[in-house]
């Protein structure tokens, strides 16, 4: 499983700054989930080949009342669900009573605790950390999160205790299609799982939050191997109260990472809400193939159906590449068609194309619509090749590609998607600018080869 790291400490010690440093080092979304408690953020990071989830929490002083007390409870819940805890203190302010209060709590838990002394920029690290030895949580680790100093080495030390298992498989390494069923509580995820399996394999109860953990169910259908992952729902902030339910959020994020295809279930009776969009965003930035299922469709009148369709068209115009199904998990309406879309999305996500094929497509696309001119020079796209799968990555080489406008990038994506017949998965593009050997000469500096020739002539 992906390790979970919680950032805790009193207010204004730099937890959010460190959170931003961790999450900026990866390509996935910084997930500011509106379904979480105030001042609590979940984000995804990656160090080399090791992914992780980091949680930013509200500050804890030990003297909270009212809303602040509720925020402090959520900080303690984050400690409970984490695999490792980074206890941040302020190297400029020094040791305080609030630090002592939180240290007393952390000493009682049985998990790795790292004492991180932040804001040591411009100070002697030994002097900045001296006061914190009496806390009794081991060697203080000095960093300056705002300057990004010591952050990488800190992360390396933390993740060294969570090596990637040698037998760990990428979701695309075998022929088993892993489907993560995600959505808000009570949208019918477990009912859908049971309907897809054809039996009551998951507890179903008409009460939000019945599923508190992700359940992996392997099965076979038409000689194809699948694993269904039934996840717990992510609910609105005001409705999150139990620590075990907060833990389910992490499990949902981990299930998305572990899946080949994500099926996002939307409640037709409630309509499309912000929590649906947040979960969709995390699935997209995780690069997973996607199928959309609007559940409880049978119970709507025609005008209600039109309202739901209009809302989806308005808020999801960028999702025209994903299959959309209007289903009833309870009665089985259109549920069987989900497998067709899942198979198509899975095949597209693991597709392979030759360099010649991709370059030919690119050349045809450019002939139909030339890229714009910048500074009197035409942007040139020279050749393309595949850079990865799950999701498919197309790498395009050329000149001035860093100046390519967003509208042309969208044109390229749509054209490649149509030519490759890719359905149900995002496509990512990487643009690499070739080096011009005459750039140095133009700037008054001789190119390396020219320098070598002149040096050779002088030595004769």
Protein backbone atom coordinates (compact mmCIF):
# COMPACT_ATOMS: atom_id res chain seq x y z
CA UNK A 1 0.00 0.00 0.00
CA UNK A 2 1.04 3.60 -0.56
CA UNK A 3 2.45 5.11 2.67
CA UNK A 4 0.52 7.94 4.31
CA UNK A 5 2.43 10.83 5.92
CA UNK A 6 0.71 13.28 8.31
CA UNK A 7 2.06 16.78 8.98
CA UNK A 8 1.15 17.96 12.48
CA UNK A 9 2.18 20.80 14.77
CA UNK A 10 0.91 23.98 16.34
CA UNK A 11 -0.38 26.79 14.09
CA UNK A 12 2.01 28.71 11.80
CA UNK A 13 4.98 26.36 11.93
CA UNK A 14 5.00 25.82 8.15
CA UNK A 15 2.95 22.64 7.67
CA UNK A 16 1.16 23.90 4.58
CA UNK A 17 4.41 25.15 3.06
CA UNK A 18 5.98 21.73 3.51
CA UNK A 19 2.81 20.12 2.13
CA UNK A 20 3.16 22.23 -1.01
CA UNK A 21 6.82 21.26 -1.34
CA UNK A 22 5.96 17.56 -1.11
CA UNK A 23 3.08 17.70 -3.57
CA UNK A 24 4.82 19.92 -6.12
CA UNK A 25 7.38 17.16 -6.67
CA UNK A 26 4.78 14.97 -8.41
CA UNK A 27 2.45 15.29 -11.46
CA UNK A 28 -0.78 14.46 -9.68
CA UNK A 29 -3.33 16.88 -8.20
CA UNK A 30 -2.94 18.62 -4.81
CA UNK A 31 -6.29 17.39 -3.54
CA UNK A 32 -7.99 20.18 -1.57
CA UNK A 33 -11.07 18.08 -0.93
CA UNK A 34 -14.17 20.03 0.04
CA UNK A 35 -15.41 16.84 1.72
CA UNK A 36 -12.73 17.09 4.38
CA UNK A 37 -12.57 18.96 7.66
CA UNK A 38 -11.45 22.58 7.56
CA UNK A 39 -7.67 23.05 7.16
CA UNK A 40 -7.16 19.41 6.30
CA UNK A 41 -5.80 18.59 2.86
CA UNK A 42 -4.88 15.34 1.12
CA UNK A 43 -2.26 15.37 -1.61
CA UNK A 44 -0.26 12.89 -3.62
CA UNK A 45 3.49 12.92 -4.03
CA UNK A 46 6.21 10.78 -5.54
CA UNK A 47 9.89 10.39 -4.79
CA UNK A 48 11.55 8.41 -7.56
CA UNK A 49 9.41 5.30 -7.95
CA UNK A 50 7.87 5.60 -4.46
CA UNK A 51 4.42 7.25 -4.36
CA UNK A 52 2.95 8.53 -1.11
CA UNK A 53 -0.04 10.42 0.28
CA UNK A 54 0.54 13.44 2.51
CA UNK A 55 -2.00 15.03 4.87
CA UNK A 56 -1.87 18.66 5.93
CA UNK A 57 -3.67 19.34 9.21
CA UNK A 58 -4.85 22.30 11.23
CA UNK A 59 -2.72 23.52 14.09
CA UNK A 60 -2.94 22.06 17.62
CA UNK A 61 -2.15 24.18 20.67
CA UNK A 62 -3.95 22.24 23.41
CA UNK A 63 -6.19 25.18 24.32
CA UNK A 64 -8.75 24.99 21.52
CA UNK A 65 -12.42 25.78 21.95
CA UNK A 66 -15.40 25.61 19.59
CA UNK A 67 -14.42 25.25 15.94
CA UNK A 68 -10.72 25.13 16.78
CA UNK A 69 -11.40 22.14 19.03
CA UNK A 70 -13.05 20.33 16.14
CA UNK A 71 -10.06 21.11 13.92
CA UNK A 72 -7.73 19.72 16.58
CA UNK A 73 -9.76 16.49 16.69
CA UNK A 74 -9.22 16.07 12.97
CA UNK A 75 -5.47 16.55 13.42
CA UNK A 76 -5.44 13.67 15.90
CA UNK A 77 -7.51 11.61 13.44
CA UNK A 78 -4.85 12.25 10.79
CA UNK A 79 -2.21 10.95 13.20
CA UNK A 80 -4.24 7.77 13.68
CA UNK A 81 -4.59 7.07 9.95
CA UNK A 82 -0.98 7.88 9.01
CA UNK A 83 1.90 5.44 8.62
CA UNK A 84 4.42 8.11 9.65
CA UNK A 85 4.06 11.48 11.37
CA UNK A 86 6.16 14.61 10.79
CA UNK A 87 5.97 16.76 13.91
CA UNK A 88 6.82 20.32 12.83
CA UNK A 89 8.15 22.92 15.25
CA UNK A 90 9.38 26.49 14.71
CA UNK A 91 13.14 26.95 14.89
CA UNK A 92 12.80 30.73 15.24
CA UNK A 93 10.30 30.73 18.10
CA UNK A 94 11.82 27.82 19.97
CA UNK A 95 10.12 25.27 22.20
CA UNK A 96 6.63 26.21 23.47
CA UNK A 97 4.00 24.70 25.73
CA UNK A 98 1.93 23.74 22.67
CA UNK A 99 4.87 21.76 21.33
CA UNK A 100 5.20 19.96 24.65
CA UNK A 101 1.46 19.16 24.66
CA UNK A 102 1.57 17.58 21.22
CA UNK A 103 4.84 15.77 21.96
CA UNK A 104 3.21 14.13 24.99
CA UNK A 105 0.51 12.72 22.72
CA UNK A 106 2.94 11.57 20.01
CA UNK A 107 5.14 9.67 22.48
CA UNK A 108 2.17 7.38 23.22
CA UNK A 109 1.61 6.19 19.65
CA UNK A 110 3.40 3.27 18.10
CA UNK A 111 4.49 4.58 14.71
CA UNK A 112 7.49 6.48 13.28
CA UNK A 113 7.66 10.08 14.52
CA UNK A 114 10.04 12.60 12.92
CA UNK A 115 10.76 15.83 14.79
CA UNK A 116 11.19 18.47 12.05
CA UNK A 117 12.54 21.91 12.99
CA UNK A 118 11.36 24.35 10.32
CA UNK A 119 12.38 27.97 9.62
CA UNK A 120 16.08 27.38 10.17
CA UNK A 121 17.06 29.54 7.18
CA UNK A 122 19.71 32.08 8.12
CA UNK A 123 20.44 30.34 11.43
CA UNK A 124 22.97 27.82 12.63
CA UNK A 125 21.10 24.45 12.49
CA UNK A 126 22.74 23.28 15.72
CA UNK A 127 21.54 26.38 17.56
CA UNK A 128 18.05 26.20 16.02
CA UNK A 129 17.55 22.58 17.07
CA UNK A 130 19.18 22.71 20.52
CA UNK A 131 15.99 23.47 22.48
CA UNK A 132 14.08 20.55 20.99
CA UNK A 133 16.19 17.67 22.26
CA UNK A 134 14.34 17.77 25.58
CA UNK A 135 11.10 16.76 23.84
CA UNK A 136 12.49 13.24 23.69
CA UNK A 137 11.46 12.38 20.12
CA UNK A 138 14.91 11.69 18.75
CA UNK A 139 17.25 13.75 16.61
CA UNK A 140 15.66 17.02 15.42
CA UNK A 141 15.84 17.42 11.63
CA UNK A 142 16.42 21.03 10.50
CA UNK A 143 14.77 22.27 7.31
CA UNK A 144 13.69 25.51 5.66
CA UNK A 145 10.48 24.64 3.81
CA UNK A 146 10.08 28.12 2.32
CA UNK A 147 13.57 27.84 0.79
CA UNK A 148 13.17 24.14 -0.04
CA UNK A 149 16.30 23.40 1.98
CA UNK A 150 16.54 19.96 3.57
CA UNK A 151 13.12 18.91 2.24
CA UNK A 152 14.36 16.25 -0.19
CA UNK A 153 16.68 14.63 2.35
CA UNK A 154 13.85 14.63 4.91
CA UNK A 155 11.51 12.88 2.50
CA UNK A 156 14.17 10.35 1.57
CA UNK A 157 14.70 9.48 5.23
CA UNK A 158 10.97 9.05 5.86
CA UNK A 159 10.28 6.93 2.78
CA UNK A 160 13.35 4.76 3.35
CA UNK A 161 11.22 2.87 5.86
CA UNK A 162 8.62 2.13 3.18
CA UNK A 163 10.49 0.47 0.32
CA UNK A 164 8.60 -0.67 -2.74
CA UNK A 165 8.10 -4.45 -2.35
CA UNK A 166 10.01 -6.48 -4.91
CA UNK A 167 6.86 -8.34 -5.89
CA UNK A 168 4.82 -5.13 -6.22
CA UNK A 169 2.99 -5.08 -9.55
CA UNK A 170 1.94 -2.10 -11.56
CA UNK A 171 -1.79 -2.10 -12.29
CA UNK A 172 -0.96 -2.77 -15.97
CA UNK A 173 1.49 -5.63 -15.42
CA UNK A 174 -1.00 -8.51 -15.79
CA UNK A 175 -4.24 -9.26 -17.62
CA UNK A 176 -6.50 -8.79 -14.59
CA UNK A 177 -8.59 -5.64 -14.99
CA UNK A 178 -8.92 -3.83 -11.67
CA UNK A 179 -12.03 -1.66 -11.42
CA UNK A 180 -12.34 0.84 -8.57
CA UNK A 181 -15.95 1.81 -7.90
CA UNK A 182 -15.83 5.30 -6.38
CA UNK A 183 -18.38 7.93 -5.43
CA UNK A 184 -20.01 9.75 -2.57
CA UNK A 185 -21.71 7.77 0.22
CA UNK A 186 -25.07 6.21 -0.54
CA UNK A 187 -24.85 6.60 -4.34
CA UNK A 188 -25.20 2.81 -4.70
CA UNK A 189 -21.60 1.64 -5.08
CA UNK A 190 -22.02 -1.60 -3.13
CA UNK A 191 -25.34 -2.29 -4.85
CA UNK A 192 -23.60 -1.84 -8.19
CA UNK A 193 -20.81 -4.21 -7.14
CA UNK A 194 -23.34 -6.87 -6.17
CA UNK A 195 -25.21 -6.42 -9.44
CA UNK A 196 -22.01 -6.72 -11.49
CA UNK A 197 -21.03 -9.84 -9.56
CA UNK A 198 -24.50 -11.35 -9.74
CA UNK A 199 -24.56 -12.11 -6.01
CA UNK A 200 -24.62 -10.36 -2.65
CA UNK A 201 -20.90 -10.17 -1.97
CA UNK A 202 -20.90 -6.76 -0.25
CA UNK A 203 -22.96 -5.48 2.66
CA UNK A 204 -25.68 -3.16 1.39
CA UNK A 205 -27.66 -0.97 3.76
CA UNK A 206 -29.65 2.18 3.12
CA UNK A 207 -27.42 4.32 5.27
CA UNK A 208 -24.43 6.40 4.13
CA UNK A 209 -21.03 5.10 5.13
CA UNK A 210 -21.73 1.37 5.39
CA UNK A 211 -18.46 0.59 3.62
CA UNK A 212 -15.54 1.80 5.76
CA UNK A 213 -12.70 0.14 3.86
CA UNK A 214 -11.85 -0.78 0.28
CA UNK A 215 -12.89 -4.36 -0.57
CA UNK A 216 -11.06 -6.28 -3.33
CA UNK A 217 -13.17 -8.94 -5.05
CA UNK A 218 -11.56 -11.05 -7.81
CA UNK A 219 -13.86 -12.82 -10.28
CA UNK A 220 -14.06 -14.05 -13.87
CA UNK A 221 -16.54 -13.07 -16.59
CA UNK A 222 -16.57 -14.37 -20.17
CA UNK A 223 -13.09 -15.83 -19.63
CA UNK A 224 -11.72 -12.45 -18.57
CA UNK A 225 -10.25 -11.82 -15.13
CA UNK A 226 -11.44 -8.82 -13.12
CA UNK A 227 -11.00 -7.44 -9.62
CA UNK A 228 -13.74 -5.16 -8.34
CA UNK A 229 -12.68 -2.64 -5.70
CA UNK A 230 -15.62 -1.35 -3.66
CA UNK A 231 -14.52 1.83 -1.92
CA UNK A 232 -15.93 3.88 0.91
CA UNK A 233 -17.58 7.18 0.00
CA UNK A 234 -16.17 10.66 0.52
CA UNK A 235 -18.86 12.86 2.07
CA UNK A 236 -19.28 16.54 2.70
CA UNK A 237 -17.18 18.29 5.33
CA UNK A 238 -20.01 18.90 7.80
CA UNK A 239 -20.95 15.21 7.75
CA UNK A 240 -17.49 13.80 8.55
CA UNK A 241 -17.36 12.98 12.23
CA UNK A 242 -15.97 9.49 12.81
CA UNK A 243 -12.25 8.84 12.65
CA UNK A 244 -12.84 5.51 10.91
CA UNK A 245 -14.61 7.38 8.10
CA UNK A 246 -11.66 9.73 7.60
CA UNK A 247 -9.50 6.67 7.27
CA UNK A 248 -11.76 5.50 4.44
CA UNK A 249 -10.81 8.58 2.42
CA UNK A 250 -7.19 7.45 2.33
CA UNK A 251 -8.33 3.97 1.32
CA UNK A 252 -10.31 5.46 -1.57
CA UNK A 253 -7.30 7.41 -2.81
CA UNK A 254 -5.16 4.29 -2.56
CA UNK A 255 -7.77 2.24 -4.44
CA UNK A 256 -7.70 4.75 -7.30
CA UNK A 257 -3.95 4.33 -7.52
CA UNK A 258 -4.29 0.55 -7.51
CA UNK A 259 -6.93 0.42 -10.26
CA UNK A 260 -6.70 0.17 -14.04
CA UNK A 261 -10.13 1.67 -14.60
CA UNK A 262 -12.13 3.91 -12.27
CA UNK A 263 -15.93 3.84 -12.38
CA UNK A 264 -17.27 7.09 -10.91
CA UNK A 265 -20.84 6.60 -9.67
CA UNK A 266 -23.05 9.71 -9.58
CA UNK A 267 -26.42 9.89 -7.83
CA UNK A 268 -29.02 10.97 -10.42
CA UNK A 269 -31.51 11.91 -7.71
CA UNK A 270 -29.09 14.38 -6.10
CA UNK A 271 -27.36 15.48 -9.31
CA UNK A 272 -23.76 16.42 -9.98
CA UNK A 273 -22.16 18.09 -6.93
CA UNK A 274 -18.74 19.43 -5.99
CA UNK A 275 -17.68 16.21 -4.27
CA UNK A 276 -18.16 14.33 -7.55
CA UNK A 277 -15.92 16.83 -9.33
CA UNK A 278 -13.22 16.56 -6.67
CA UNK A 279 -13.09 12.77 -6.96
CA UNK A 280 -13.11 13.04 -10.74
CA UNK A 281 -10.16 15.42 -10.58
CA UNK A 282 -8.08 13.09 -8.45
CA UNK A 283 -8.84 10.12 -10.73
CA UNK A 284 -7.85 12.14 -13.79
CA UNK A 285 -4.61 13.43 -12.31
CA UNK A 286 -3.76 9.90 -11.22
CA UNK A 287 -3.89 9.03 -14.93
CA UNK A 288 -6.50 6.31 -14.61
CA UNK A 289 -8.95 5.29 -17.31
CA UNK A 290 -12.47 6.36 -16.45
CA UNK A 291 -16.10 5.33 -16.93
CA UNK A 292 -19.00 7.48 -15.69
CA UNK A 293 -22.14 5.83 -14.28
CA UNK A 294 -25.21 7.87 -13.33
CA UNK A 295 -27.13 5.64 -10.92
CA UNK A 296 -30.79 5.60 -9.76
CA UNK A 297 -31.87 6.64 -13.25
CA UNK A 298 -35.10 4.62 -13.25
CA UNK A 299 -36.69 6.73 -10.53
CA UNK A 300 -36.54 10.05 -12.41
CA UNK A 301 -39.13 11.85 -14.50
CA UNK A 302 -38.20 13.00 -17.99
CA UNK A 303 -37.73 16.64 -16.96
CA UNK A 304 -35.44 15.52 -14.10
CA UNK A 305 -33.40 13.42 -16.52
CA UNK A 306 -33.00 16.42 -18.82
CA UNK A 307 -31.80 18.52 -15.89
CA UNK A 308 -29.15 15.94 -14.94
CA UNK A 309 -27.94 15.60 -18.55
CA UNK A 310 -27.70 19.36 -18.91
CA UNK A 311 -25.67 19.66 -15.70
CA UNK A 312 -23.24 16.96 -16.87
CA UNK A 313 -22.82 18.61 -20.26
CA UNK A 314 -22.23 21.97 -18.61
CA UNK A 315 -19.78 20.87 -15.92
CA UNK A 316 -18.01 18.04 -17.76
CA UNK A 317 -17.42 19.26 -21.33
CA UNK A 318 -13.81 18.07 -21.06
CA UNK A 319 -14.96 14.48 -20.40
CA UNK A 320 -16.37 13.76 -23.86
CA UNK A 321 -13.81 10.96 -24.26
CA UNK A 322 -15.24 8.93 -21.34
CA UNK A 323 -18.26 6.64 -21.77
CA UNK A 324 -21.32 7.82 -19.86
CA UNK A 325 -23.95 5.29 -18.73
CA UNK A 326 -27.33 5.95 -17.15
CA UNK A 327 -27.99 2.91 -14.96
CA UNK A 328 -30.04 1.45 -12.16
CA UNK A 329 -27.87 -0.75 -9.96
CA UNK A 330 -30.92 -1.87 -8.01
CA UNK A 331 -32.82 -3.15 -11.07
CA UNK A 332 -29.82 -3.93 -13.29
CA UNK A 333 -30.70 -1.49 -16.07
CA UNK A 334 -27.69 -0.91 -18.41
CA UNK A 335 -25.25 -2.33 -15.85
CA UNK A 336 -23.96 -4.95 -18.28
CA UNK A 337 -22.82 -2.23 -20.69
CA UNK A 338 -20.35 -1.00 -18.08
CA UNK A 339 -18.13 -4.01 -18.85
CA UNK A 340 -17.90 -3.00 -22.52
CA UNK A 341 -16.72 0.48 -21.59
CA UNK A 342 -14.31 -0.86 -18.94
CA UNK A 343 -12.74 -3.26 -21.47
CA UNK A 344 -12.42 -0.49 -24.07
CA UNK A 345 -10.87 1.95 -21.60
CA UNK A 346 -8.45 -0.70 -20.34
CA UNK A 347 -7.32 -1.58 -23.88
CA UNK A 348 -6.83 2.12 -24.73
CA UNK A 349 -4.85 2.81 -21.57
CA UNK A 350 -2.35 0.04 -22.33
CA UNK A 351 -2.15 0.70 -26.09
CA UNK A 352 1.21 0.74 -27.90
CA UNK A 353 1.97 2.61 -31.12
CA UNK A 354 5.14 2.84 -33.18
CA UNK A 355 7.17 6.01 -33.63
CA UNK A 356 6.47 5.92 -37.35
CA UNK A 357 2.71 5.73 -36.76
CA UNK A 358 2.68 8.59 -34.26
CA UNK A 359 4.94 10.77 -36.43
CA UNK A 360 2.74 10.16 -39.47
CA UNK A 361 -0.35 11.18 -37.50
CA UNK A 362 1.44 14.29 -36.23
CA UNK A 363 2.51 15.31 -39.74
CA UNK A 364 -1.04 14.91 -41.04
CA UNK A 365 -2.40 16.96 -38.15
CA UNK A 366 0.13 19.74 -38.80
CA UNK A 367 -0.67 19.79 -42.53
CA UNK A 368 -4.34 20.32 -41.75
CA UNK A 369 -3.65 23.13 -39.29
CA UNK A 370 -0.20 24.71 -38.94
CA UNK A 371 0.99 25.82 -35.50
CA UNK A 372 1.22 29.60 -35.05
CA UNK A 373 4.25 31.79 -35.67
CA UNK A 374 6.12 33.26 -32.71
CA UNK A 375 8.50 36.16 -33.22
CA UNK A 376 8.35 35.73 -36.98
CA UNK A 377 9.29 32.04 -36.78
CA UNK A 378 6.96 29.10 -37.25
CA UNK A 379 6.73 26.62 -34.37
CA UNK A 380 7.94 23.29 -35.76
CA UNK A 381 6.85 19.79 -34.73
CA UNK A 382 9.45 17.32 -36.01
CA UNK A 383 8.57 13.83 -34.79
CA UNK A 384 6.58 11.97 -32.11
CA UNK A 385 7.01 8.77 -30.14
CA UNK A 386 5.31 7.04 -27.23
CA UNK A 387 6.63 7.82 -23.77
CA UNK A 388 4.52 5.47 -21.64
CA UNK A 389 1.17 3.86 -20.93
CA UNK A 390 -1.54 4.11 -18.29
CA UNK A 391 -2.23 6.78 -19.38
CA UNK A 392 -0.77 6.87 -22.91
CA UNK A 393 1.96 9.49 -23.19
CA UNK A 394 2.90 11.01 -26.56
CA UNK A 395 6.25 12.80 -26.68
CA UNK A 396 6.62 15.42 -29.42
CA UNK A 397 9.98 16.90 -30.38
CA UNK A 398 10.46 20.19 -32.18
CA UNK A 399 11.43 23.85 -31.94
CA UNK A 400 9.80 26.53 -29.77
CA UNK A 401 7.34 23.99 -28.36
CA UNK A 402 7.44 25.77 -25.01
CA UNK A 403 5.56 28.59 -26.79
CA UNK A 404 2.84 26.33 -28.17
CA UNK A 405 -0.56 27.79 -27.13
CA UNK A 406 -3.03 25.76 -25.11
CA UNK A 407 -5.61 25.82 -27.91
CA UNK A 408 -3.20 24.06 -30.26
CA UNK A 409 -2.33 21.47 -27.61
CA UNK A 410 -6.04 20.68 -27.25
CA UNK A 411 -6.28 20.42 -31.04
CA UNK A 412 -3.40 17.90 -31.02
CA UNK A 413 -5.01 15.85 -28.25
CA UNK A 414 -8.36 15.66 -30.03
CA UNK A 415 -6.75 14.79 -33.35
CA UNK A 416 -4.53 12.06 -31.88
CA UNK A 417 -7.43 10.63 -29.89
CA UNK A 418 -9.53 10.37 -33.06
CA UNK A 419 -6.71 8.90 -35.18
CA UNK A 420 -5.67 6.35 -32.53
CA UNK A 421 -9.30 5.54 -31.64
CA UNK A 422 -8.52 5.97 -27.96
CA UNK A 423 -11.57 5.87 -25.71
CA UNK A 424 -11.99 6.05 -21.96
CA UNK A 425 -8.50 7.16 -20.95
CA UNK A 426 -6.75 10.53 -20.75
CA UNK A 427 -3.84 11.15 -23.12
CA UNK A 428 -0.87 13.14 -21.90
CA UNK A 429 1.53 15.04 -24.13
CA UNK A 430 5.14 15.95 -23.43
CA UNK A 431 6.80 18.61 -25.57
CA UNK A 432 10.58 18.54 -25.83
CA UNK A 433 12.53 21.33 -27.44
CA UNK A 434 15.61 20.34 -29.44
CA UNK A 435 18.83 22.21 -28.72
CA UNK A 436 20.04 24.61 -31.37
CA UNK A 437 23.83 24.20 -31.84
CA UNK A 438 24.07 27.82 -33.00
CA UNK A 439 22.41 29.36 -29.95
CA UNK A 440 25.78 29.98 -28.27
CA UNK A 441 27.16 31.62 -31.41
CA UNK A 442 24.13 33.87 -31.64
CA UNK A 443 24.75 34.94 -28.06
CA UNK A 444 28.39 35.73 -28.73
CA UNK A 445 29.74 32.43 -27.44
CA UNK A 446 31.26 29.83 -29.73
CA UNK A 447 29.71 26.38 -29.91
CA UNK A 448 31.78 23.51 -28.38
CA UNK A 449 32.71 22.00 -31.76
CA UNK A 450 33.89 25.38 -33.08
CA UNK A 451 35.95 25.89 -29.91
CA UNK A 452 37.52 22.46 -30.33
CA UNK A 453 38.45 23.16 -33.97
CA UNK A 454 40.11 26.46 -33.11
CA UNK A 455 41.99 24.86 -30.20
CA UNK A 456 43.22 22.11 -32.53
CA UNK A 457 44.49 24.66 -35.07
CA UNK A 458 46.39 26.57 -32.41
CA UNK A 459 48.11 23.41 -31.19
CA UNK A 460 49.42 22.49 -34.65
